[in-house]
Amino acid sequence: MSSASTLKFLVAMVIMMNPLGSLSIFLDLTRRTAIRKQRLIARDASIAILIIMLLSLWTGKGLLSLLGITIPSFRFAGGIILLLMGLSMLQSKESPVSHTSEDDEAAKERDSITIVPLALPVIIGPGAISTLIISAGDYPQFMNKLWMSFLCLCLATGMGIMLYYAVQIAKMVGTSVIKVITRIMGMIIMAIAVGMLAEGLTGLLPWAK
């Protein structure tokens, strides 16, 4: 992977994980939880995030092949998902593609929210999983996957740190700033989605080049 490809992968993953949006959901889900327990959830969630990312990166393409799904068709479907997510973010709404209010209600009844719904699908949702599988298809070499695995470790660690200090970050940033950043990220996601749709369509219909 070139430095440009690495940067593109990192930017795409950060946008899909939507750190500030995920932070507000985490605070909502843990608002009645003591700080110590909240930080334990943050630590465990970062481990779950890393495992989900690595599974998607290393086994996602093989699973698609087993199901008879090609990378171009998956890329096109992923583009549609991202377009819907970006549109919701542009309106400062949580996308129902990755998270709904019903998920919050169900989470309150669970003993643990670490894996579901926090790690999956709030932080690592369809958009992030699509990005990982498509990147694995674009760069199938072992060393490239190893490099992306290291980047996933960095992303999971960074997300874990944000959740660990969630209360302090939320006070410092403020709700209005989170909404503005969410809208900007929504625009970027929609731009990425259009590119994925175009590349997927080209792969499905080579004569359309």
Protein backbone atom coordinates (compact mmCIF):
# COMPACT_ATOMS: atom_id res chain seq x y z
CA MET A 1 0.00 0.00 0.00
CA SER A 2 1.24 3.47 -0.85
CA SER A 3 1.10 6.32 1.66
CA ALA A 4 -1.88 7.75 -0.23
CA SER A 5 -3.73 4.41 -0.03
CA THR A 6 -2.92 4.15 3.69
CA LEU A 7 -4.24 7.65 4.31
CA LYS A 8 -7.39 6.92 2.29
CA PHE A 9 -7.99 3.72 4.31
CA LEU A 10 -7.50 5.51 7.64
CA VAL A 11 -9.73 8.45 6.73
CA ALA A 12 -12.46 6.14 5.44
CA MET A 13 -12.35 3.98 8.59
CA VAL A 14 -12.38 6.96 10.96
CA ILE A 15 -15.39 8.39 9.14
CA MET A 16 -17.23 5.04 9.16
CA MET A 17 -16.54 4.57 12.87
CA ASN A 18 -17.84 8.12 13.48
CA PRO A 19 -15.94 8.64 16.79
CA LEU A 20 -17.91 11.65 18.06
CA GLY A 21 -21.28 10.17 17.11
CA SER A 22 -20.32 6.86 18.72
CA LEU A 23 -19.15 8.78 21.79
CA SER A 24 -22.56 10.40 22.30
CA ILE A 25 -24.31 7.00 21.93
CA PHE A 26 -21.86 5.45 24.42
CA LEU A 27 -22.62 8.20 26.95
CA ASP A 28 -26.34 7.72 26.45
CA LEU A 29 -26.10 3.96 26.96
CA THR A 30 -23.93 4.33 30.07
CA ARG A 31 -25.44 7.47 31.62
CA ARG A 32 -26.51 5.56 34.77
CA THR A 33 -23.20 3.70 34.99
CA ALA A 34 -20.42 4.59 37.42
CA ILE A 35 -17.26 6.04 35.84
CA ARG A 36 -15.20 2.99 36.84
CA LYS A 37 -17.66 0.59 35.16
CA GLN A 38 -17.93 2.93 32.17
CA ARG A 39 -14.18 2.75 31.66
CA LEU A 40 -14.18 -1.05 31.93
CA ILE A 41 -16.82 -1.13 29.18
CA ALA A 42 -14.62 1.22 27.08
CA ARG A 43 -11.61 -1.08 27.50
CA ASP A 44 -13.54 -4.23 26.61
CA ALA A 45 -15.26 -2.49 23.68
CA SER A 46 -11.88 -1.54 22.15
CA ILE A 47 -10.83 -5.22 22.25
CA ALA A 48 -14.12 -6.29 20.65
CA ILE A 49 -13.74 -3.60 17.96
CA LEU A 50 -10.26 -4.88 17.08
CA ILE A 51 -11.42 -8.52 16.87
CA ILE A 52 -14.38 -7.61 14.62
CA MET A 53 -12.13 -5.54 12.34
CA LEU A 54 -9.51 -8.29 12.05
CA LEU A 55 -12.14 -10.95 11.31
CA SER A 56 -13.65 -8.74 8.59
CA LEU A 57 -10.22 -7.99 7.12
CA TRP A 58 -8.86 -11.55 7.07
CA THR A 59 -11.96 -13.67 6.45
CA GLY A 60 -14.45 -11.28 4.79
CA LYS A 61 -13.28 -11.84 1.19
CA GLY A 62 -13.21 -15.62 1.66
CA LEU A 63 -16.75 -15.55 3.03
CA LEU A 64 -17.93 -13.53 0.04
CA SER A 65 -16.32 -16.05 -2.33
CA LEU A 66 -18.01 -18.89 -0.45
CA LEU A 67 -21.37 -17.16 -0.92
CA GLY A 68 -20.64 -16.43 -4.57
CA ILE A 69 -20.55 -12.65 -4.06
CA THR A 70 -18.03 -10.71 -6.14
CA ILE A 71 -16.10 -7.69 -4.87
CA PRO A 72 -17.71 -5.34 -7.48
CA SER A 73 -21.24 -6.33 -6.39
CA PHE A 74 -20.28 -5.98 -2.71
CA ARG A 75 -18.66 -2.62 -3.46
CA PHE A 76 -21.88 -1.44 -5.16
CA ALA A 77 -24.03 -2.63 -2.24
CA GLY A 78 -21.61 -1.01 0.22
CA GLY A 79 -21.90 2.25 -1.70
CA ILE A 80 -25.67 2.24 -1.25
CA ILE A 81 -25.30 1.63 2.50
CA LEU A 82 -22.77 4.47 2.83
CA LEU A 83 -24.99 6.81 0.82
CA LEU A 84 -27.86 6.22 3.26
CA MET A 85 -25.53 6.67 6.25
CA GLY A 86 -24.07 9.89 4.84
CA LEU A 87 -27.53 11.30 4.17
CA SER A 88 -28.58 10.65 7.78
CA MET A 89 -25.38 12.22 9.12
CA LEU A 90 -25.88 15.25 6.89
CA GLN A 91 -29.20 15.75 8.66
CA SER A 92 -27.53 15.19 12.07
CA LYS A 93 -29.49 11.98 12.57
CA GLU A 94 -28.25 8.54 13.58
CA SER A 95 -28.57 6.28 10.55
CA PRO A 96 -31.08 3.42 11.02
CA VAL A 97 -28.74 1.34 8.83
CA SER A 98 -26.29 0.99 11.71
CA HIS A 99 -28.25 2.00 14.78
CA THR A 100 -31.85 2.61 15.86
CA SER A 101 -33.60 3.83 18.99
CA GLU A 102 -34.91 0.27 19.49
CA ASP A 103 -31.29 -0.85 19.84
CA ASP A 104 -30.88 1.55 22.77
CA GLU A 105 -33.97 0.22 24.49
CA ALA A 106 -32.85 -3.39 24.00
CA ALA A 107 -29.35 -2.51 25.23
CA LYS A 108 -30.72 -1.20 28.53
CA GLU A 109 -32.12 -4.66 29.24
CA ARG A 110 -28.80 -6.42 28.61
CA ASP A 111 -26.21 -7.17 31.27
CA SER A 112 -23.46 -6.01 28.89
CA ILE A 113 -23.49 -3.59 25.97
CA THR A 114 -19.81 -4.10 25.14
CA ILE A 115 -20.17 -6.20 21.99
CA VAL A 116 -23.80 -5.56 21.01
CA PRO A 117 -24.76 -2.84 20.32
CA LEU A 118 -21.63 -0.79 21.16
CA ALA A 119 -18.84 -2.51 19.21
CA LEU A 120 -21.26 -3.94 16.64
CA PRO A 121 -23.10 -2.21 14.99
CA VAL A 122 -22.66 1.27 16.59
CA ILE A 123 -18.90 1.64 16.05
CA ILE A 124 -18.15 -1.13 13.54
CA GLY A 125 -21.27 -1.07 11.40
CA PRO A 126 -22.00 -2.07 7.80
CA GLY A 127 -19.97 0.85 6.43
CA ALA A 128 -16.79 -0.03 8.35
CA ILE A 129 -17.13 -3.75 7.57
CA SER A 130 -17.67 -2.99 3.86
CA THR A 131 -14.57 -0.77 3.84
CA LEU A 132 -12.46 -3.51 5.46
CA ILE A 133 -13.61 -6.27 3.10
CA ILE A 134 -13.21 -4.10 -0.01
CA SER A 135 -9.72 -2.97 1.12
CA ALA A 136 -8.75 -6.61 1.68
CA GLY A 137 -9.92 -7.35 -1.88
CA ASP A 138 -7.99 -4.40 -3.31
CA TYR A 139 -4.78 -5.27 -1.40
CA PRO A 140 -4.83 -9.07 -0.91
CA GLN A 141 -1.08 -9.45 -0.34
CA PHE A 142 -0.10 -10.76 3.11
CA MET A 143 2.11 -7.77 4.01
CA ASN A 144 -0.62 -5.32 3.02
CA LYS A 145 -3.13 -7.13 5.23
CA LEU A 146 -0.59 -7.17 8.04
CA TRP A 147 -0.12 -3.41 7.65
CA MET A 148 -3.90 -2.85 7.66
CA SER A 149 -4.14 -5.03 10.77
CA PHE A 150 -1.68 -2.70 12.51
CA LEU A 151 -3.77 0.29 11.41
CA CYS A 152 -6.85 -1.46 12.83
CA LEU A 153 -5.00 -1.85 16.14
CA CYS A 154 -4.29 1.89 16.14
CA LEU A 155 -7.93 2.70 15.32
CA ALA A 156 -9.29 0.39 18.03
CA THR A 157 -6.85 1.82 20.58
CA GLY A 158 -7.76 5.38 19.65
CA MET A 159 -11.48 4.61 19.91
CA GLY A 160 -10.91 2.93 23.27
CA ILE A 161 -9.11 6.01 24.60
CA MET A 162 -11.94 8.25 23.43
CA LEU A 163 -14.54 6.08 25.17
CA TYR A 164 -12.36 5.86 28.30
CA TYR A 165 -12.36 9.65 28.61
CA ALA A 166 -15.85 10.08 27.13
CA VAL A 167 -17.25 12.35 29.83
CA GLN A 168 -14.31 14.76 29.71
CA ILE A 169 -14.27 14.86 25.88
CA ALA A 170 -18.03 15.51 25.68
CA LYS A 171 -17.73 18.44 28.10
CA MET A 172 -14.79 19.88 26.19
CA VAL A 173 -16.22 19.49 22.67
CA GLY A 174 -19.91 20.29 23.22
CA THR A 175 -23.05 19.10 21.42
CA SER A 176 -23.08 21.81 18.73
CA VAL A 177 -19.52 21.01 17.61
CA ILE A 178 -20.37 17.29 17.43
CA LYS A 179 -23.34 18.09 15.15
CA VAL A 180 -21.23 20.27 12.82
CA ILE A 181 -18.48 17.64 12.54
CA THR A 182 -21.11 14.92 11.97
CA ARG A 183 -22.53 16.89 9.02
CA ILE A 184 -19.07 17.38 7.49
CA MET A 185 -18.33 13.67 7.88
CA GLY A 186 -21.71 12.91 6.28
CA MET A 187 -20.69 14.86 3.17
CA ILE A 188 -17.39 12.98 2.97
CA ILE A 189 -19.15 9.62 3.40
CA MET A 190 -21.54 10.48 0.55
CA ALA A 191 -18.58 11.38 -1.69
CA ILE A 192 -16.91 8.05 -0.86
CA ALA A 193 -20.22 6.27 -1.51
CA VAL A 194 -20.55 7.77 -4.99
CA GLY A 195 -17.02 6.60 -5.80
CA MET A 196 -17.81 3.09 -4.55
CA LEU A 197 -21.02 2.97 -6.59
CA ALA A 198 -19.16 4.07 -9.73
CA GLU A 199 -16.32 1.55 -9.21
CA GLY A 200 -18.78 -1.23 -8.39
CA LEU A 201 -20.87 -0.50 -11.47
CA THR A 202 -17.75 -0.45 -13.66
CA GLY A 203 -16.72 -3.84 -12.26
CA LEU A 204 -20.19 -5.30 -12.83
CA LEU A 205 -20.52 -3.75 -16.31
CA PRO A 206 -17.01 -3.59 -17.85
CA TRP A 207 -18.40 -2.35 -21.17
CA ALA A 208 -19.61 0.82 -19.35
CA LYS A 209 -16.01 2.07 -18.88
